[in-house]
Amino acid sequence: MSTTSMSLVDVLKGATEFLSKQGVEQPRLNAEHLLAHSLGIKRLELYLQFDRQLGEQEREPLRHLVRRRGTGVPLQHLLGTVEFCGRQFTCDPRALIPRPETEQLVERALTYEGLNRILDVATGSGVIPLTLALERPIASLCATDISPDALSLARENASLLGADRVVFFEADLIPNDLRKEATFDLITANLPYIPSSEIPTLSREVLQDPILALDGGVNGLDLVFRLAPLALECLKPGGRLLLEIGINQDKDVMNCLSGYNYRDINALPDYQGIPRFVEAVKDTRQESR
């Protein structure tokens, strides 16, 4: 085994060049994260240690991580964590990797007043309800997912973050037990919204997510259309539905909600100006359908 050492900055340059050749976006940032992870330090600490000499024993774990990243394994899976709204969540192939846009959904939800009871549908790793639980410590929260694997990850995150009061249900959208009474002030959902025909065209990184968490049916909106009437059964009069949607789906979703007599229906842009969220209110005069 070679005993030759290399400076940290040279190791970083080599990893960056390799990832760039493999078509990885933001290769330098990826290399920094992987190197910091393999050394057990914070990424910003790398800049204070550029002259540090790394021997073979320190470089080998990084080589393994960089090779895997070069094959398309997502960075978050290699690190085992993802940051969401300033908190670290466990992240692995059991559930969709949380996207930055979903942080905006949570930010919007936190602007609503009177959130005493919240339901998150298709919760995945649990980032939405767990963040809301930590930000609204008085609120009661429930979350559902059809995937047992996703729910196991969500429960692990709940334990990790000390948000054990979130109650999880294995269900296709909303279980019957939660549809008996209109008790929720807010229902959130980041449902699968990619049309089935587009799944094969997704990037190799995105295809590492569970297909169940991506495939929204023929037009991408099968689950949204199914959820709309179910949510009415669970929302209090004046309660809100808040959805994350795909590109160019806002008009179809708004028309759907209008057909069920939701009111105050709005499409909200993400930071790129793309209509990414739709919010609506259950009419105070409306009985559960």
Foldseek 3Di string as FASTA:
>chain_A
DDFDWDFLLVLLVVLLVLLVVLVHPPSSVLSLLLLCLLVVHDSVCCVVRRRPIDTPVSSVSSVVLSVVVSVQADSLQSSQWDDAPRDIAGDHQLFADDDNQVSVLLVVVVVDPDFAEEEEEQCQLNPNVLVVCVVPVNHQYEYEHQGPSRVVNNCVRCVVVVNNRYHYDNDLGDDPVLLPAQDGQEYEYAAAQDAPVCLVVDDSNRVSHPVRRHHLYHRRCVSLLVVLLSNLSHHAQFHKYKYFYDAPCQVVSQVSNVVVVWPPWDFDAGPVRTRTMIMTGHHNVDDRD
